[in-house]
Amino acid sequence: MYIYRSLLKHGYSNFGLEILEYCTSDKLIEKEKYYLKLLNPEYNIILDPTLPPMSNRKHSEETRNKLAVPHAGHFKKGGNRLEGAGIPSQKILVLDLNTNESTTYGSMHATSRALNITTSTISNYINRKQKKPYKGRYVFQVQIVD
């Protein structure tokens, strides 16, 4: 948060990012401690540089309450969707003109995996209300599920 505020206050051009040293993952904590001690950076938020990052730190009760509020009542699998919470699930009906079969998939993602095409392709087809079959073969229709 401190860096974020400083970036806004002083501007991005007054900051830089540098790779000090490449190392293996088992040496990361050791190297971090070394450079924190050597450089003593102004924006280091680690209170005790002898500890690994986030080690034994606890959020205050106030912070825990703040973190909990935005997540309270979010949609959980099998639960009811909150009113106005995102878009409802969409089943996709796909008509294959080559085989004259129609298949319903549980989501755009499931459809894209089954047909090996991107989700954005299906989404664009539907949003643009395309009449011409995709690749001369597939016709997509959305079925809203509450």
C-alpha atoms as a PDB file:
ATOM      1  CA  MET A   1       0.000   0.000   0.000  1.00  0.00           C
ATOM      2  CA  TYR A   2       2.885   2.346   0.784  1.00  0.00           C
ATOM      3  CA  ILE A   3       4.438   1.851  -2.626  1.00  0.00           C
ATOM      4  CA  TYR A   4       1.072   2.306  -4.315  1.00  0.00           C
ATOM      5  CA  ARG A   5       0.484   5.638  -2.577  1.00  0.00           C
ATOM      6  CA  SER A   6       4.011   6.788  -3.373  1.00  0.00           C
ATOM      7  CA  LEU A   7       3.617   5.841  -7.020  1.00  0.00           C
ATOM      8  CA  LEU A   8       0.478   7.955  -7.198  1.00  0.00           C
ATOM      9  CA  LYS A   9       2.065  10.855  -5.318  1.00  0.00           C
ATOM     10  CA  HIS A  10       5.476  10.950  -7.032  1.00  0.00           C
ATOM     11  CA  GLY A  11       4.668   9.372 -10.405  1.00  0.00           C
ATOM     12  CA  TYR A  12       5.749   6.093 -11.957  1.00  0.00           C
ATOM     13  CA  SER A  13       8.696   7.675 -13.740  1.00  0.00           C
ATOM     14  CA  ASN A  14      10.371   8.332 -10.370  1.00  0.00           C
ATOM     15  CA  PHE A  15      10.565   4.626  -9.578  1.00  0.00           C
ATOM     16  CA  GLY A  16      12.478   1.756 -11.089  1.00  0.00           C
ATOM     17  CA  LEU A  17      12.623  -1.991 -10.935  1.00  0.00           C
ATOM     18  CA  GLU A  18      15.912  -3.821 -11.045  1.00  0.00           C
ATOM     19  CA  ILE A  19      16.889  -7.461 -10.827  1.00  0.00           C
ATOM     20  CA  LEU A  20      19.718  -7.535  -8.334  1.00  0.00           C
ATOM     21  CA  GLU A  21      20.676 -11.172  -8.660  1.00  0.00           C
ATOM     22  CA  TYR A  22      19.381 -14.393 -10.112  1.00  0.00           C
ATOM     23  CA  CYS A  23      19.234 -17.327  -7.719  1.00  0.00           C
ATOM     24  CA  THR A  24      17.499 -20.630  -7.131  1.00  0.00           C
ATOM     25  CA  SER A  25      14.256 -20.717  -5.141  1.00  0.00           C
ATOM     26  CA  ASP A  26      15.951 -22.315  -2.139  1.00  0.00           C
ATOM     27  CA  LYS A  27      18.197 -19.222  -1.838  1.00  0.00           C
ATOM     28  CA  LEU A  28      15.462 -16.574  -2.173  1.00  0.00           C
ATOM     29  CA  ILE A  29      14.989 -15.819   1.538  1.00  0.00           C
ATOM     30  CA  GLU A  30      18.722 -15.707   2.154  1.00  0.00           C
ATOM     31  CA  LYS A  31      19.277 -13.318  -0.772  1.00  0.00           C
ATOM     32  CA  GLU A  32      16.314 -11.147   0.201  1.00  0.00           C
ATOM     33  CA  LYS A  33      17.665 -10.743   3.734  1.00  0.00           C
ATOM     34  CA  TYR A  34      21.111  -9.918   2.346  1.00  0.00           C
ATOM     35  CA  TYR A  35      19.851  -7.156   0.031  1.00  0.00           C
ATOM     36  CA  LEU A  36      17.464  -5.731   2.610  1.00  0.00           C
ATOM     37  CA  LYS A  37      20.347  -5.373   5.037  1.00  0.00           C
ATOM     38  CA  LEU A  38      22.745  -4.050   2.389  1.00  0.00           C
ATOM     39  CA  LEU A  39      20.434  -1.539   0.709  1.00  0.00           C
ATOM     40  CA  ASN A  40      18.048  -0.660   3.549  1.00  0.00           C
ATOM     41  CA  PRO A  41      15.288   0.333   1.089  1.00  0.00           C
ATOM     42  CA  GLU A  42      12.850   3.077   2.047  1.00  0.00           C
ATOM     43  CA  TYR A  43       9.830   1.060   0.950  1.00  0.00           C
ATOM     44  CA  ASN A  44      10.586  -2.180   2.761  1.00  0.00           C
ATOM     45  CA  ILE A  45       7.515  -3.132   4.775  1.00  0.00           C
ATOM     46  CA  ILE A  46       9.084  -6.115   6.501  1.00  0.00           C
ATOM     47  CA  LEU A  47       9.289  -5.135  10.132  1.00  0.00           C
ATOM     48  CA  ASP A  48      11.887  -7.733  11.029  1.00  0.00           C
ATOM     49  CA  PRO A  49      14.252  -8.464   8.136  1.00  0.00           C
ATOM     50  CA  THR A  50      15.462 -11.606   9.914  1.00  0.00           C
ATOM     51  CA  LEU A  51      12.027 -13.177   9.239  1.00  0.00           C
ATOM     52  CA  PRO A  52      11.019 -14.600   5.892  1.00  0.00           C
ATOM     53  CA  PRO A  53       8.322 -12.588   4.078  1.00  0.00           C
ATOM     54  CA  MET A  54       4.926 -12.746   5.833  1.00  0.00           C
ATOM     55  CA  SER A  55       6.287 -15.112   8.463  1.00  0.00           C
ATOM     56  CA  ASN A  56       4.327 -15.144  11.725  1.00  0.00           C
ATOM     57  CA  ARG A  57       2.424 -12.000  10.841  1.00  0.00           C
ATOM     58  CA  LYS A  58      -1.152 -11.669  11.958  1.00  0.00           C
ATOM     59  CA  HIS A  59      -3.759  -9.200  10.722  1.00  0.00           C
ATOM     60  CA  SER A  60      -5.375  -7.057  13.389  1.00  0.00           C
ATOM     61  CA  GLU A  61      -9.008  -7.717  14.296  1.00  0.00           C
ATOM     62  CA  GLU A  62      -9.997  -4.542  12.435  1.00  0.00           C
ATOM     63  CA  THR A  63      -8.159  -5.646   9.294  1.00  0.00           C
ATOM     64  CA  ARG A  64      -9.689  -9.130   9.458  1.00  0.00           C
ATOM     65  CA  ASN A  65     -13.149  -7.567   9.704  1.00  0.00           C
ATOM     66  CA  LYS A  66     -12.449  -5.312   6.709  1.00  0.00           C
ATOM     67  CA  LEU A  67     -11.218  -8.270   4.671  1.00  0.00           C
ATOM     68  CA  ALA A  68     -14.243 -10.373   5.606  1.00  0.00           C
ATOM     69  CA  VAL A  69     -16.933  -7.867   4.632  1.00  0.00           C
ATOM     70  CA  PRO A  70     -16.476  -7.876   0.830  1.00  0.00           C
ATOM     71  CA  HIS A  71     -16.557 -11.669   0.785  1.00  0.00           C
ATOM     72  CA  ALA A  72     -19.612 -12.126   2.981  1.00  0.00           C
ATOM     73  CA  GLY A  73     -22.481 -13.794   1.157  1.00  0.00           C
ATOM     74  CA  HIS A  74     -20.692 -14.347  -2.141  1.00  0.00           C
ATOM     75  CA  PHE A  75     -22.146 -16.999  -4.371  1.00  0.00           C
ATOM     76  CA  LYS A  76     -21.004 -20.436  -3.345  1.00  0.00           C
ATOM     77  CA  LYS A  77     -21.283 -23.575  -5.437  1.00  0.00           C
ATOM     78  CA  GLY A  78     -24.728 -25.012  -4.863  1.00  0.00           C
ATOM     79  CA  GLY A  79     -25.937 -21.842  -3.151  1.00  0.00           C
ATOM     80  CA  ASN A  80     -28.244 -19.136  -4.387  1.00  0.00           C
ATOM     81  CA  ARG A  81     -26.927 -16.289  -6.496  1.00  0.00           C
ATOM     82  CA  LEU A  82     -27.243 -12.890  -4.859  1.00  0.00           C
ATOM     83  CA  GLU A  83     -29.523 -10.487  -6.677  1.00  0.00           C
ATOM     84  CA  GLY A  84     -27.485  -8.489  -9.184  1.00  0.00           C
ATOM     85  CA  ALA A  85     -24.363 -10.597  -8.600  1.00  0.00           C
ATOM     86  CA  GLY A  86     -22.783 -10.937 -12.020  1.00  0.00           C
ATOM     87  CA  ILE A  87     -24.425 -12.481 -15.023  1.00  0.00           C
ATOM     88  CA  PRO A  88     -26.478 -15.662 -14.685  1.00  0.00           C
ATOM     89  CA  SER A  89     -25.011 -18.933 -15.904  1.00  0.00           C
ATOM     90  CA  GLN A  90     -25.506 -19.528 -19.588  1.00  0.00           C
ATOM     91  CA  LYS A  91     -26.037 -22.868 -21.195  1.00  0.00           C
ATOM     92  CA  ILE A  92     -24.990 -22.947 -24.820  1.00  0.00           C
ATOM     93  CA  LEU A  93     -27.008 -24.855 -27.386  1.00  0.00           C
ATOM     94  CA  VAL A  94     -24.847 -25.844 -30.345  1.00  0.00           C
ATOM     95  CA  LEU A  95     -26.346 -27.034 -33.596  1.00  0.00           C
ATOM     96  CA  ASP A  96     -23.843 -28.942 -35.739  1.00  0.00           C
ATOM     97  CA  LEU A  97     -25.006 -28.571 -39.334  1.00  0.00           C
ATOM     98  CA  ASN A  98     -22.699 -31.364 -40.563  1.00  0.00           C
ATOM     99  CA  THR A  99     -24.296 -34.000 -38.333  1.00  0.00           C
ATOM    100  CA  ASN A 100     -27.605 -32.193 -37.754  1.00  0.00           C
ATOM    101  CA  GLU A 101     -27.209 -32.809 -34.022  1.00  0.00           C
ATOM    102  CA  SER A 102     -27.740 -30.293 -31.253  1.00  0.00           C
ATOM    103  CA  THR A 103     -25.847 -30.410 -27.983  1.00  0.00           C
ATOM    104  CA  THR A 104     -26.295 -28.295 -24.864  1.00  0.00           C
ATOM    105  CA  TYR A 105     -23.205 -27.404 -22.853  1.00  0.00           C
ATOM    106  CA  GLY A 106     -23.224 -26.059 -19.292  1.00  0.00           C
ATOM    107  CA  SER A 107     -21.170 -22.956 -20.078  1.00  0.00           C
ATOM    108  CA  MET A 108     -19.244 -21.135 -22.778  1.00  0.00           C
ATOM    109  CA  HIS A 109     -16.067 -22.563 -21.320  1.00  0.00           C
ATOM    110  CA  ALA A 110     -17.382 -26.132 -21.596  1.00  0.00           C
ATOM    111  CA  THR A 111     -18.482 -25.412 -25.171  1.00  0.00           C
ATOM    112  CA  SER A 112     -15.097 -24.023 -26.142  1.00  0.00           C
ATOM    113  CA  ARG A 113     -13.294 -27.045 -24.694  1.00  0.00           C
ATOM    114  CA  ALA A 114     -15.600 -29.506 -26.457  1.00  0.00           C
ATOM    115  CA  LEU A 115     -15.293 -27.798 -29.844  1.00  0.00           C
ATOM    116  CA  ASN A 116     -11.657 -26.739 -29.420  1.00  0.00           C
ATOM    117  CA  ILE A 117     -12.361 -23.067 -30.092  1.00  0.00           C
ATOM    118  CA  THR A 118     -11.847 -20.043 -27.842  1.00  0.00           C
ATOM    119  CA  THR A 119     -14.506 -18.762 -25.461  1.00  0.00           C
ATOM    120  CA  SER A 120     -14.159 -15.301 -26.977  1.00  0.00           C
ATOM    121  CA  THR A 121     -15.040 -16.701 -30.406  1.00  0.00           C
ATOM    122  CA  ILE A 122     -18.307 -18.090 -29.057  1.00  0.00           C
ATOM    123  CA  SER A 123     -18.987 -14.927 -27.062  1.00  0.00           C
ATOM    124  CA  ASN A 124     -18.373 -12.701 -30.092  1.00  0.00           C
ATOM    125  CA  TYR A 125     -20.605 -14.886 -32.259  1.00  0.00           C
ATOM    126  CA  ILE A 126     -23.446 -14.594 -29.757  1.00  0.00           C
ATOM    127  CA  ASN A 127     -22.955 -10.905 -28.907  1.00  0.00           C
ATOM    128  CA  ARG A 128     -22.874  -9.932 -32.578  1.00  0.00           C
ATOM    129  CA  LYS A 129     -26.024 -11.989 -33.213  1.00  0.00           C
ATOM    130  CA  GLN A 130     -24.375 -13.826 -36.081  1.00  0.00           C
ATOM    131  CA  LYS A 131     -26.718 -15.597 -38.480  1.00  0.00           C
ATOM    132  CA  LYS A 132     -24.048 -17.294 -40.574  1.00  0.00           C
ATOM    133  CA  PRO A 133     -22.848 -20.584 -39.024  1.00  0.00           C
ATOM    134  CA  TYR A 134     -19.391 -20.475 -37.446  1.00  0.00           C
ATOM    135  CA  LYS A 135     -16.926 -22.128 -39.861  1.00  0.00           C
ATOM    136  CA  GLY A 136     -19.991 -23.025 -41.952  1.00  0.00           C
ATOM    137  CA  ARG A 137     -20.828 -25.651 -39.359  1.00  0.00           C
ATOM    138  CA  TYR A 138     -21.877 -24.472 -35.865  1.00  0.00           C
ATOM    139  CA  VAL A 139     -24.804 -22.328 -34.774  1.00  0.00           C
ATOM    140  CA  PHE A 140     -24.685 -21.115 -31.152  1.00  0.00           C
ATOM    141  CA  GLN A 141     -27.652 -20.119 -29.012  1.00  0.00           C
ATOM    142  CA  VAL A 142     -27.692 -18.996 -25.399  1.00  0.00           C
ATOM    143  CA  GLN A 143     -30.054 -20.438 -22.824  1.00  0.00           C
ATOM    144  CA  ILE A 144     -30.180 -18.375 -19.613  1.00  0.00           C
ATOM    145  CA  VAL A 145     -30.288 -20.390 -16.388  1.00  0.00           C
ATOM    146  CA  ASP A 146     -31.344 -18.749 -13.106  1.00  0.00           C
END
